């Protein structure tokens, strides 16, 4: 079973994901890197509104960015995605163990 080594980091992930706009951004980035201009069109949001949400995701380590010319491109951070997946797998494994233990009683 995985233990929570950095609860403040995990809390930042869930806080960052607790918003519909930010979930929409993450969903669109699953397909790969996207220019902020594409995200504004896809989400029908102003660039200033998206900048706020992208900063929250970046501060949580969920997305990375790179500048090319006048545009900024965003992508999911594979390291964070892997760590999040491991955390959730640990929760699921713990849940399964509790169900098995309860059925043995």
PDB file of N, CA and C in Angstrom:
ATOM      1  N   UNK A   1       0.838  -1.173   0.000  1.00  0.00           N
ATOM      2  CA  UNK A   1       0.000   0.000   0.000  1.00  0.00           C
ATOM      3  C   UNK A   1       0.887   1.241   0.000  1.00  0.00           C
ATOM      4  N   UNK A   2       0.574   2.204  -0.857  1.00  0.00           N
ATOM      5  CA  UNK A   2       1.338   3.446  -0.924  1.00  0.00           C
ATOM      6  C   UNK A   2       0.961   4.353   0.238  1.00  0.00           C
ATOM      7  N   UNK A   3       1.957   5.051   0.763  1.00  0.00           N
ATOM      8  CA  UNK A   3       1.685   6.013   1.826  1.00  0.00           C
ATOM      9  C   UNK A   3       1.771   7.417   1.246  1.00  0.00           C
ATOM     10  N   UNK A   4       1.126   8.335   1.909  1.00  0.00           N
ATOM     11  CA  UNK A   4       1.141   9.724   1.463  1.00  0.00           C
ATOM     12  C   UNK A   4       2.397  10.369   2.021  1.00  0.00           C
ATOM     13  N   UNK A   5       3.405  10.521   1.155  1.00  0.00           N
ATOM     14  CA  UNK A   5       4.678  11.090   1.585  1.00  0.00           C
ATOM     15  C   UNK A   5       4.639  12.607   1.609  1.00  0.00           C
ATOM     16  N   UNK A   6       3.869  13.197   0.710  1.00  0.00           N
ATOM     17  CA  UNK A   6       3.797  14.658   0.629  1.00  0.00           C
ATOM     18  C   UNK A   6       2.336  15.076   0.516  1.00  0.00           C
ATOM     19  N   UNK A   7       1.627  15.077   1.635  1.00  0.00           N
ATOM     20  CA  UNK A   7       0.189  15.391   1.567  1.00  0.00           C
ATOM     21  C   UNK A   7      -0.103  16.784   1.015  1.00  0.00           C
ATOM     22  N   UNK A   8       0.789  17.762   1.246  1.00  0.00           N
ATOM     23  CA  UNK A   8       0.534  19.108   0.726  1.00  0.00           C
ATOM     24  C   UNK A   8       0.582  19.118  -0.798  1.00  0.00           C
ATOM     25  N   UNK A   9       1.429  18.290  -1.383  1.00  0.00           N
ATOM     26  CA  UNK A   9       1.519  18.191  -2.848  1.00  0.00           C
ATOM     27  C   UNK A   9       0.232  17.576  -3.406  1.00  0.00           C
ATOM     28  N   UNK A  10      -0.232  16.526  -2.772  1.00  0.00           N
ATOM     29  CA  UNK A  10      -1.457  15.856  -3.218  1.00  0.00           C
ATOM     30  C   UNK A  10      -2.654  16.782  -3.055  1.00  0.00           C
ATOM     31  N   UNK A  11      -2.696  17.537  -1.968  1.00  0.00           N
ATOM     32  CA  UNK A  11      -3.779  18.496  -1.753  1.00  0.00           C
ATOM     33  C   UNK A  11      -3.791  19.546  -2.861  1.00  0.00           C
ATOM     34  N   UNK A  12      -2.605  20.004  -3.296  1.00  0.00           N
ATOM     35  CA  UNK A  12      -2.532  20.980  -4.397  1.00  0.00           C
ATOM     36  C   UNK A  12      -3.093  20.399  -5.690  1.00  0.00           C
ATOM     37  N   UNK A  13      -2.801  19.113  -5.948  1.00  0.00           N
ATOM     38  CA  UNK A  13      -3.339  18.476  -7.157  1.00  0.00           C
ATOM     39  C   UNK A  13      -4.866  18.530  -7.138  1.00  0.00           C
ATOM     40  N   UNK A  14      -5.436  18.067  -6.034  1.00  0.00           N
ATOM     41  CA  UNK A  14      -6.891  17.982  -5.974  1.00  0.00           C
ATOM     42  C   UNK A  14      -7.535  19.365  -5.958  1.00  0.00           C
ATOM     43  N   UNK A  15      -6.901  20.322  -5.314  1.00  0.00           N
ATOM     44  CA  UNK A  15      -7.419  21.694  -5.348  1.00  0.00           C
ATOM     45  C   UNK A  15      -7.405  22.212  -6.789  1.00  0.00           C
ATOM     46  N   UNK A  16      -6.310  21.982  -7.481  1.00  0.00           N
ATOM     47  CA  UNK A  16      -6.188  22.456  -8.868  1.00  0.00           C
ATOM     48  C   UNK A  16      -7.216  21.791  -9.777  1.00  0.00           C
ATOM     49  N   UNK A  17      -7.564  20.562  -9.494  1.00  0.00           N
ATOM     50  CA  UNK A  17      -8.511  19.839 -10.340  1.00  0.00           C
ATOM     51  C   UNK A  17      -9.966  20.068  -9.935  1.00  0.00           C
ATOM     52  N   UNK A  18     -10.198  20.809  -8.848  1.00  0.00           N
ATOM     53  CA  UNK A  18     -11.551  21.020  -8.336  1.00  0.00           C
ATOM     54  C   UNK A  18     -12.227  22.223  -8.995  1.00  0.00           C
ATOM     55  N   UNK A  19     -12.086  22.315 -10.300  1.00  0.00           N
ATOM     56  CA  UNK A  19     -12.695  23.404 -11.042  1.00  0.00           C
ATOM     57  C   UNK A  19     -13.013  22.902 -12.451  1.00  0.00           C
ATOM     58  N   UNK A  20     -14.205  23.197 -12.935  1.00  0.00           N
ATOM     59  CA  UNK A  20     -14.623  22.696 -14.250  1.00  0.00           C
ATOM     60  C   UNK A  20     -13.738  23.192 -15.388  1.00  0.00           C
ATOM     61  N   UNK A  21     -13.339  24.440 -15.333  1.00  0.00           N
ATOM     62  CA  UNK A  21     -12.485  24.978 -16.397  1.00  0.00           C
ATOM     63  C   UNK A  21     -11.141  24.266 -16.402  1.00  0.00           C
ATOM     64  N   UNK A  22     -10.555  24.085 -15.226  1.00  0.00           N
ATOM     65  CA  UNK A  22      -9.252  23.410 -15.161  1.00  0.00           C
ATOM     66  C   UNK A  22      -9.374  21.950 -15.583  1.00  0.00           C
ATOM     67  N   UNK A  23     -10.479  21.299 -15.236  1.00  0.00           N
ATOM     68  CA  UNK A  23     -10.687  19.930 -15.723  1.00  0.00           C
ATOM     69  C   UNK A  23     -10.806  19.913 -17.242  1.00  0.00           C
ATOM     70  N   UNK A  24     -11.450  20.912 -17.804  1.00  0.00           N
ATOM     71  CA  UNK A  24     -11.548  21.011 -19.264  1.00  0.00           C
ATOM     72  C   UNK A  24     -10.186  21.182 -19.908  1.00  0.00           C
ATOM     73  N   UNK A  25      -9.341  21.980 -19.286  1.00  0.00           N
ATOM     74  CA  UNK A  25      -7.980  22.172 -19.799  1.00  0.00           C
ATOM     75  C   UNK A  25      -7.227  20.851 -19.776  1.00  0.00           C
ATOM     76  N   UNK A  26      -7.271  20.166 -18.638  1.00  0.00           N
ATOM     77  CA  UNK A  26      -6.565  18.881 -18.502  1.00  0.00           C
ATOM     78  C   UNK A  26      -7.098  17.883 -19.521  1.00  0.00           C
ATOM     79  N   UNK A  27      -8.400  17.847 -19.698  1.00  0.00           N
ATOM     80  CA  UNK A  27      -8.996  16.919 -20.668  1.00  0.00           C
ATOM     81  C   UNK A  27      -8.471  17.185 -22.073  1.00  0.00           C
ATOM     82  N   UNK A  28      -8.364  18.443 -22.453  1.00  0.00           N
ATOM     83  CA  UNK A  28      -7.868  18.766 -23.793  1.00  0.00           C
ATOM     84  C   UNK A  28      -6.376  18.482 -23.936  1.00  0.00           C
ATOM     85  N   UNK A  29      -5.636  18.601 -22.850  1.00  0.00           N
ATOM     86  CA  UNK A  29      -4.193  18.335 -22.908  1.00  0.00           C
ATOM     87  C   UNK A  29      -3.877  16.840 -22.929  1.00  0.00           C
ATOM     88  N   UNK A  30      -4.866  16.002 -22.652  1.00  0.00           N
ATOM     89  CA  UNK A  30      -4.626  14.544 -22.731  1.00  0.00           C
ATOM     90  C   UNK A  30      -4.208  14.130 -24.131  1.00  0.00           C
ATOM     91  N   UNK A  31      -4.655  14.875 -25.132  1.00  0.00           N
ATOM     92  CA  UNK A  31      -4.312  14.560 -26.521  1.00  0.00           C
ATOM     93  C   UNK A  31      -2.920  15.048 -26.898  1.00  0.00           C
ATOM     94  N   UNK A  32      -2.297  15.838 -26.014  1.00  0.00           N
ATOM     95  CA  UNK A  32      -0.959  16.339 -26.291  1.00  0.00           C
ATOM     96  C   UNK A  32      -0.876  17.840 -26.083  1.00  0.00           C
ATOM     97  N   UNK A  33       0.295  18.359 -26.328  1.00  0.00           N
ATOM     98  CA  UNK A  33       0.581  19.769 -26.126  1.00  0.00           C
ATOM     99  C   UNK A  33      -0.375  20.649 -26.938  1.00  0.00           C
ATOM    100  N   UNK A  34      -0.800  21.751 -26.316  1.00  0.00           N
ATOM    101  CA  UNK A  34      -1.715  22.676 -26.991  1.00  0.00           C
ATOM    102  C   UNK A  34      -1.258  24.108 -26.772  1.00  0.00           C
ATOM    103  N   UNK A  35      -1.451  24.917 -27.778  1.00  0.00           N
ATOM    104  CA  UNK A  35      -1.184  26.349 -27.691  1.00  0.00           C
ATOM    105  C   UNK A  35      -2.302  26.998 -26.887  1.00  0.00           C
ATOM    106  N   UNK A  36      -1.945  28.003 -26.120  1.00  0.00           N
ATOM    107  CA  UNK A  36      -2.961  28.703 -25.331  1.00  0.00           C
ATOM    108  C   UNK A  36      -4.042  29.284 -26.240  1.00  0.00           C
ATOM    109  N   UNK A  37      -3.675  29.661 -27.449  1.00  0.00           N
ATOM    110  CA  UNK A  37      -4.678  30.204 -28.373  1.00  0.00           C
ATOM    111  C   UNK A  37      -5.723  29.146 -28.731  1.00  0.00           C
ATOM    112  N   UNK A  38      -5.304  27.900 -28.872  1.00  0.00           N
ATOM    113  CA  UNK A  38      -6.250  26.811 -29.146  1.00  0.00           C
ATOM    114  C   UNK A  38      -7.156  26.558 -27.951  1.00  0.00           C
ATOM    115  N   UNK A  39      -6.579  26.633 -26.761  1.00  0.00           N
ATOM    116  CA  UNK A  39      -7.380  26.410 -25.556  1.00  0.00           C
ATOM    117  C   UNK A  39      -8.437  27.490 -25.386  1.00  0.00           C
ATOM    118  N   UNK A  40      -8.100  28.737 -25.710  1.00  0.00           N
ATOM    119  CA  UNK A  40      -9.097  29.805 -25.582  1.00  0.00           C
ATOM    120  C   UNK A  40     -10.268  29.562 -26.531  1.00  0.00           C
ATOM    121  N   UNK A  41      -9.956  29.087 -27.731  1.00  0.00           N
ATOM    122  CA  UNK A  41     -11.021  28.775 -28.689  1.00  0.00           C
ATOM    123  C   UNK A  41     -11.841  27.573 -28.232  1.00  0.00           C
ATOM    124  N   UNK A  42     -11.164  26.506 -27.833  1.00  0.00           N
ATOM    125  CA  UNK A  42     -11.855  25.273 -27.423  1.00  0.00           C
ATOM    126  C   UNK A  42     -12.772  25.489 -26.223  1.00  0.00           C
ATOM    127  N   UNK A  43     -12.299  26.277 -25.270  1.00  0.00           N
ATOM    128  CA  UNK A  43     -13.053  26.469 -24.033  1.00  0.00           C
ATOM    129  C   UNK A  43     -13.905  27.731 -24.053  1.00  0.00           C
ATOM    130  N   UNK A  44     -13.846  28.461 -25.170  1.00  0.00           N
ATOM    131  CA  UNK A  44     -14.599  29.711 -25.315  1.00  0.00           C
ATOM    132  C   UNK A  44     -14.396  30.594 -24.085  1.00  0.00           C
ATOM    133  N   UNK A  45     -13.130  30.811 -23.751  1.00  0.00           N
ATOM    134  CA  UNK A  45     -12.761  31.604 -22.586  1.00  0.00           C
ATOM    135  C   UNK A  45     -11.731  32.647 -22.991  1.00  0.00           C
ATOM    136  N   UNK A  46     -11.711  33.733 -22.266  1.00  0.00           N
ATOM    137  CA  UNK A  46     -10.725  34.764 -22.545  1.00  0.00           C
ATOM    138  C   UNK A  46      -9.338  34.286 -22.139  1.00  0.00           C
ATOM    139  N   UNK A  47      -8.332  34.875 -22.753  1.00  0.00           N
ATOM    140  CA  UNK A  47      -6.966  34.478 -22.441  1.00  0.00           C
ATOM    141  C   UNK A  47      -6.621  34.812 -20.985  1.00  0.00           C
ATOM    142  N   UNK A  48      -7.124  35.918 -20.469  1.00  0.00           N
ATOM    143  CA  UNK A  48      -6.818  36.277 -19.074  1.00  0.00           C
ATOM    144  C   UNK A  48      -7.445  35.276 -18.107  1.00  0.00           C
ATOM    145  N   UNK A  49      -8.659  34.816 -18.395  1.00  0.00           N
ATOM    146  CA  UNK A  49      -9.305  33.804 -17.541  1.00  0.00           C
ATOM    147  C   UNK A  49      -8.527  32.496 -17.578  1.00  0.00           C
ATOM    148  N   UNK A  50      -8.129  32.077 -18.792  1.00  0.00           N
ATOM    149  CA  UNK A  50      -7.359  30.838 -18.908  1.00  0.00           C
ATOM    150  C   UNK A  50      -5.995  30.962 -18.258  1.00  0.00           C
ATOM    151  N   UNK A  51      -5.378  32.122 -18.337  1.00  0.00           N
ATOM    152  CA  UNK A  51      -4.064  32.325 -17.712  1.00  0.00           C
ATOM    153  C   UNK A  51      -4.126  32.041 -16.220  1.00  0.00           C
ATOM    154  N   UNK A  52      -5.188  32.506 -15.557  1.00  0.00           N
ATOM    155  CA  UNK A  52      -5.366  32.244 -14.131  1.00  0.00           C
ATOM    156  C   UNK A  52      -5.429  30.743 -13.868  1.00  0.00           C
ATOM    157  N   UNK A  53      -6.248  30.046 -14.648  1.00  0.00           N
ATOM    158  CA  UNK A  53      -6.423  28.602 -14.448  1.00  0.00           C
ATOM    159  C   UNK A  53      -5.155  27.826 -14.806  1.00  0.00           C
ATOM    160  N   UNK A  54      -4.483  28.227 -15.860  1.00  0.00           N
ATOM    161  CA  UNK A  54      -3.238  27.560 -16.254  1.00  0.00           C
ATOM    162  C   UNK A  54      -2.150  27.768 -15.204  1.00  0.00           C
ATOM    163  N   UNK A  55      -2.109  28.943 -14.588  1.00  0.00           N
ATOM    164  CA  UNK A  55      -1.138  29.190 -13.523  1.00  0.00           C
ATOM    165  C   UNK A  55      -1.412  28.276 -12.330  1.00  0.00           C
ATOM    166  N   UNK A  56      -2.678  28.099 -11.988  1.00  0.00           N
ATOM    167  CA  UNK A  56      -3.034  27.197 -10.889  1.00  0.00           C
ATOM    168  C   UNK A  56      -2.573  25.777 -11.191  1.00  0.00           C
ATOM    169  N   UNK A  57      -2.817  25.310 -12.412  1.00  0.00           N
ATOM    170  CA  UNK A  57      -2.395  23.963 -12.811  1.00  0.00           C
ATOM    171  C   UNK A  57      -0.873  23.854 -12.834  1.00  0.00           C
ATOM    172  N   UNK A  58      -0.205  24.898 -13.294  1.00  0.00           N
ATOM    173  CA  UNK A  58       1.253  24.892 -13.346  1.00  0.00           C
ATOM    174  C   UNK A  58       1.841  24.897 -11.936  1.00  0.00           C
ATOM    175  N   UNK A  59       1.294  25.728 -11.052  1.00  0.00           N
ATOM    176  CA  UNK A  59       1.780  25.784  -9.669  1.00  0.00           C
ATOM    177  C   UNK A  59       1.615  24.440  -8.952  1.00  0.00           C
ATOM    178  N   UNK A  60       0.595  23.685  -9.334  1.00  0.00           N
ATOM    179  CA  UNK A  60       0.374  22.361  -8.751  1.00  0.00           C
ATOM    180  C   UNK A  60       1.249  21.298  -9.403  1.00  0.00           C
ATOM    181  N   UNK A  61       1.960  21.679 -10.465  1.00  0.00           N
ATOM    182  CA  UNK A  61       2.835  20.731 -11.152  1.00  0.00           C
ATOM    183  C   UNK A  61       2.113  19.858 -12.160  1.00  0.00           C
ATOM    184  N   UNK A  62       0.861  20.152 -12.438  1.00  0.00           N
ATOM    185  CA  UNK A  62       0.067  19.316 -13.339  1.00  0.00           C
ATOM    186  C   UNK A  62       0.384  19.594 -14.798  1.00  0.00           C
ATOM    187  N   UNK A  63       0.709  20.843 -15.122  1.00  0.00           N
ATOM    188  CA  UNK A  63       1.065  21.177 -16.503  1.00  0.00           C
ATOM    189  C   UNK A  63       2.441  21.836 -16.551  1.00  0.00           C
ATOM    190  N   UNK A  64       3.034  21.742 -17.709  1.00  0.00           N
ATOM    191  CA  UNK A  64       4.285  22.443 -18.003  1.00  0.00           C
ATOM    192  C   UNK A  64       3.997  23.399 -19.155  1.00  0.00           C
ATOM    193  N   UNK A  65       4.876  24.363 -19.324  1.00  0.00           N
ATOM    194  CA  UNK A  65       4.688  25.280 -20.439  1.00  0.00           C
ATOM    195  C   UNK A  65       6.018  25.540 -21.130  1.00  0.00           C
ATOM    196  N   UNK A  66       5.914  25.989 -22.376  1.00  0.00           N
ATOM    197  CA  UNK A  66       7.095  26.420 -23.121  1.00  0.00           C
ATOM    198  C   UNK A  66       6.652  27.513 -24.068  1.00  0.00           C
ATOM    199  N   UNK A  67       7.535  28.468 -24.240  1.00  0.00           N
ATOM    200  CA  UNK A  67       7.246  29.600 -25.119  1.00  0.00           C
ATOM    201  C   UNK A  67       7.893  29.347 -26.472  1.00  0.00           C
ATOM    202  N   UNK A  68       7.107  29.613 -27.510  1.00  0.00           N
ATOM    203  CA  UNK A  68       7.634  29.548 -28.874  1.00  0.00           C
ATOM    204  C   UNK A  68       7.114  30.787 -29.595  1.00  0.00           C
ATOM    205  N   UNK A  69       8.028  31.721 -29.828  1.00  0.00           N
ATOM    206  CA  UNK A  69       7.614  32.985 -30.422  1.00  0.00           C
ATOM    207  C   UNK A  69       6.711  33.735 -29.459  1.00  0.00           C
ATOM    208  N   UNK A  70       5.554  34.147 -29.941  1.00  0.00           N
ATOM    209  CA  UNK A  70       4.631  34.885 -29.065  1.00  0.00           C
ATOM    210  C   UNK A  70       3.633  33.994 -28.355  1.00  0.00           C
ATOM    211  N   UNK A  71       3.635  32.696 -28.636  1.00  0.00           N
ATOM    212  CA  UNK A  71       2.662  31.778 -28.049  1.00  0.00           C
ATOM    213  C   UNK A  71       3.288  30.931 -26.954  1.00  0.00           C
ATOM    214  N   UNK A  72       2.440  30.515 -26.034  1.00  0.00           N
ATOM    215  CA  UNK A  72       2.852  29.598 -24.976  1.00  0.00           C
ATOM    216  C   UNK A  72       2.098  28.294 -25.194  1.00  0.00           C
ATOM    217  N   UNK A  73       2.834  27.203 -25.120  1.00  0.00           N
ATOM    218  CA  UNK A  73       2.260  25.873 -25.304  1.00  0.00           C
ATOM    219  C   UNK A  73       2.259  25.151 -23.962  1.00  0.00           C
ATOM    220  N   UNK A  74       1.175  24.445 -23.704  1.00  0.00           N
ATOM    221  CA  UNK A  74       1.013  23.728 -22.438  1.00  0.00           C
ATOM    222  C   UNK A  74       0.878  22.233 -22.694  1.00  0.00           C
ATOM    223  N   UNK A  75       1.371  21.453 -21.731  1.00  0.00           N
ATOM    224  CA  UNK A  75       1.276  19.996 -21.804  1.00  0.00           C
ATOM    225  C   UNK A  75       1.115  19.459 -20.388  1.00  0.00           C
ATOM    226  N   UNK A  76       0.551  18.268 -20.291  1.00  0.00           N
ATOM    227  CA  UNK A  76       0.483  17.605 -18.984  1.00  0.00           C
ATOM    228  C   UNK A  76       1.890  17.212 -18.568  1.00  0.00           C
ATOM    229  N   UNK A  77       2.174  17.324 -17.297  1.00  0.00           N
ATOM    230  CA  UNK A  77       3.475  16.947 -16.755  1.00  0.00           C
ATOM    231  C   UNK A  77       3.461  15.432 -16.513  1.00  0.00           C
ATOM    232  N   UNK A  78       4.208  14.655 -17.304  1.00  0.00           N
ATOM    233  CA  UNK A  78       4.141  13.192 -17.181  1.00  0.00           C
ATOM    234  C   UNK A  78       4.566  12.688 -15.797  1.00  0.00           C
ATOM    235  N   UNK A  79       5.502  13.371 -15.164  1.00  0.00           N
ATOM    236  CA  UNK A  79       5.942  12.944 -13.831  1.00  0.00           C
ATOM    237  C   UNK A  79       4.788  13.068 -12.826  1.00  0.00           C
ATOM    238  N   UNK A  80       4.105  14.182 -12.865  1.00  0.00           N
ATOM    239  CA  UNK A  80       2.981  14.386 -11.951  1.00  0.00           C
ATOM    240  C   UNK A  80       1.840  13.436 -12.282  1.00  0.00           C
ATOM    241  N   UNK A  81       1.570  13.245 -13.560  1.00  0.00           N
ATOM    242  CA  UNK A  81       0.495  12.327 -13.946  1.00  0.00           C
ATOM    243  C   UNK A  81       0.780  10.921 -13.411  1.00  0.00           C
ATOM    244  N   UNK A  82       2.037  10.496 -13.493  1.00  0.00           N
ATOM    245  CA  UNK A  82       2.412   9.179 -12.966  1.00  0.00           C
ATOM    246  C   UNK A  82       2.262   9.110 -11.457  1.00  0.00           C
ATOM    247  N   UNK A  83       2.666  10.169 -10.766  1.00  0.00           N
ATOM    248  CA  UNK A  83       2.545  10.194  -9.302  1.00  0.00           C
ATOM    249  C   UNK A  83       1.085  10.197  -8.882  1.00  0.00           C
ATOM    250  N   UNK A  84       0.251  10.936  -9.610  1.00  0.00           N
ATOM    251  CA  UNK A  84      -1.177  10.951  -9.303  1.00  0.00           C
ATOM    252  C   UNK A  84      -1.786   9.571  -9.518  1.00  0.00           C
ATOM    253  N   UNK A  85      -1.393   8.936 -10.592  1.00  0.00           N
ATOM    254  CA  UNK A  85      -1.904   7.599 -10.888  1.00  0.00           C
ATOM    255  C   UNK A  85      -1.520   6.621  -9.782  1.00  0.00           C
ATOM    256  N   UNK A  86      -0.281   6.680  -9.331  1.00  0.00           N
ATOM    257  CA  UNK A  86       0.166   5.806  -8.237  1.00  0.00           C
ATOM    258  C   UNK A  86      -0.615   6.073  -6.959  1.00  0.00           C
ATOM    259  N   UNK A  87      -0.871   7.334  -6.665  1.00  0.00           N
ATOM    260  CA  UNK A  87      -1.636   7.675  -5.470  1.00  0.00           C
ATOM    261  C   UNK A  87      -3.038   7.078  -5.542  1.00  0.00           C
ATOM    262  N   UNK A  88      -3.706   7.250  -6.690  1.00  0.00           N
ATOM    263  CA  UNK A  88      -5.064   6.732  -6.845  1.00  0.00           C
ATOM    264  C   UNK A  88      -5.061   5.203  -6.827  1.00  0.00           C
ATOM    265  N   UNK A  89      -4.066   4.585  -7.441  1.00  0.00           N
ATOM    266  CA  UNK A  89      -3.963   3.116  -7.386  1.00  0.00           C
ATOM    267  C   UNK A  89      -3.831   2.641  -5.943  1.00  0.00           C
ATOM    268  N   UNK A  90      -3.057   3.386  -5.143  1.00  0.00           N
ATOM    269  CA  UNK A  90      -2.905   3.043  -3.737  1.00  0.00           C
ATOM    270  C   UNK A  90      -4.225   3.132  -2.994  1.00  0.00           C
ATOM    271  N   UNK A  91      -5.029   4.122  -3.322  1.00  0.00           N
ATOM    272  CA  UNK A  91      -6.352   4.243  -2.701  1.00  0.00           C
ATOM    273  C   UNK A  91      -7.231   3.068  -3.074  1.00  0.00           C
ATOM    274  N   UNK A  92      -7.173   2.709  -4.353  1.00  0.00           N
ATOM    275  CA  UNK A  92      -7.995   1.601  -4.827  1.00  0.00           C
ATOM    276  C   UNK A  92      -7.560   0.299  -4.181  1.00  0.00           C
ATOM    277  N   UNK A  93      -6.251   0.079  -4.060  1.00  0.00           N
ATOM    278  CA  UNK A  93      -5.743  -1.143  -3.436  1.00  0.00           C
ATOM    279  C   UNK A  93      -6.170  -1.212  -1.976  1.00  0.00           C
ATOM    280  N   UNK A  94      -6.105  -0.095  -1.274  1.00  0.00           N
ATOM    281  CA  UNK A  94      -6.528  -0.052   0.122  1.00  0.00           C
ATOM    282  C   UNK A  94      -8.009  -0.380   0.235  1.00  0.00           C
ATOM    283  N   UNK A  95      -8.801   0.172  -0.669  1.00  0.00           N
ATOM    284  CA  UNK A  95     -10.238  -0.070  -0.670  1.00  0.00           C
ATOM    285  C   UNK A  95     -10.539  -1.551  -0.897  1.00  0.00           C
ATOM    286  N   UNK A  96      -9.825  -2.174  -1.835  1.00  0.00           N
ATOM    287  CA  UNK A  96     -10.029  -3.600  -2.117  1.00  0.00           C
ATOM    288  C   UNK A  96      -9.653  -4.450  -0.910  1.00  0.00           C
ATOM    289  N   UNK A  97      -8.567  -4.089  -0.225  1.00  0.00           N
ATOM    290  CA  UNK A  97      -8.152  -4.841   0.964  1.00  0.00           C
ATOM    291  C   UNK A  97      -9.219  -4.755   2.051  1.00  0.00           C
ATOM    292  N   UNK A  98      -9.816  -3.585   2.223  1.00  0.00           N
ATOM    293  CA  UNK A  98     -10.849  -3.435   3.245  1.00  0.00           C
ATOM    294  C   UNK A  98     -12.085  -4.253   2.909  1.00  0.00           C
ATOM    295  N   UNK A  99     -12.442  -4.310   1.629  1.00  0.00           N
ATOM    296  CA  UNK A  99     -13.582  -5.112   1.215  1.00  0.00           C
ATOM    297  C   UNK A  99     -13.294  -6.586   1.477  1.00  0.00           C
ATOM    298  N   UNK A 100     -12.090  -7.031   1.120  1.00  0.00           N
ATOM    299  CA  UNK A 100     -11.729  -8.433   1.366  1.00  0.00           C
ATOM    300  C   UNK A 100     -11.717  -8.751   2.855  1.00  0.00           C
ATOM    301  N   UNK A 101     -11.181  -7.864   3.652  1.00  0.00           N
ATOM    302  CA  UNK A 101     -11.122  -8.084   5.097  1.00  0.00           C
ATOM    303  C   UNK A 101     -12.535  -8.146   5.678  1.00  0.00           C
ATOM    304  N   UNK A 102     -13.416  -7.285   5.197  1.00  0.00           N
ATOM    305  CA  UNK A 102     -14.781  -7.268   5.700  1.00  0.00           C
ATOM    306  C   UNK A 102     -15.529  -8.540   5.317  1.00  0.00           C
ATOM    307  N   UNK A 103     -15.232  -9.085   4.147  1.00  0.00           N
ATOM    308  CA  UNK A 103     -15.921 -10.309   3.707  1.00  0.00           C
ATOM    309  C   UNK A 103     -15.423 -11.535   4.449  1.00  0.00           C
ATOM    310  N   UNK A 104     -14.239 -11.452   5.052  1.00  0.00           N
ATOM    311  CA  UNK A 104     -13.690 -12.573   5.814  1.00  0.00           C
ATOM    312  C   UNK A 104     -14.195 -12.598   7.250  1.00  0.00           C
ATOM    313  N   UNK A 105     -14.762 -11.491   7.702  1.00  0.00           N
ATOM    314  CA  UNK A 105     -15.248 -11.422   9.097  1.00  0.00           C
ATOM    315  C   UNK A 105     -16.499 -12.212   9.300  1.00  0.00           C
TER     316      UNK A 105
END
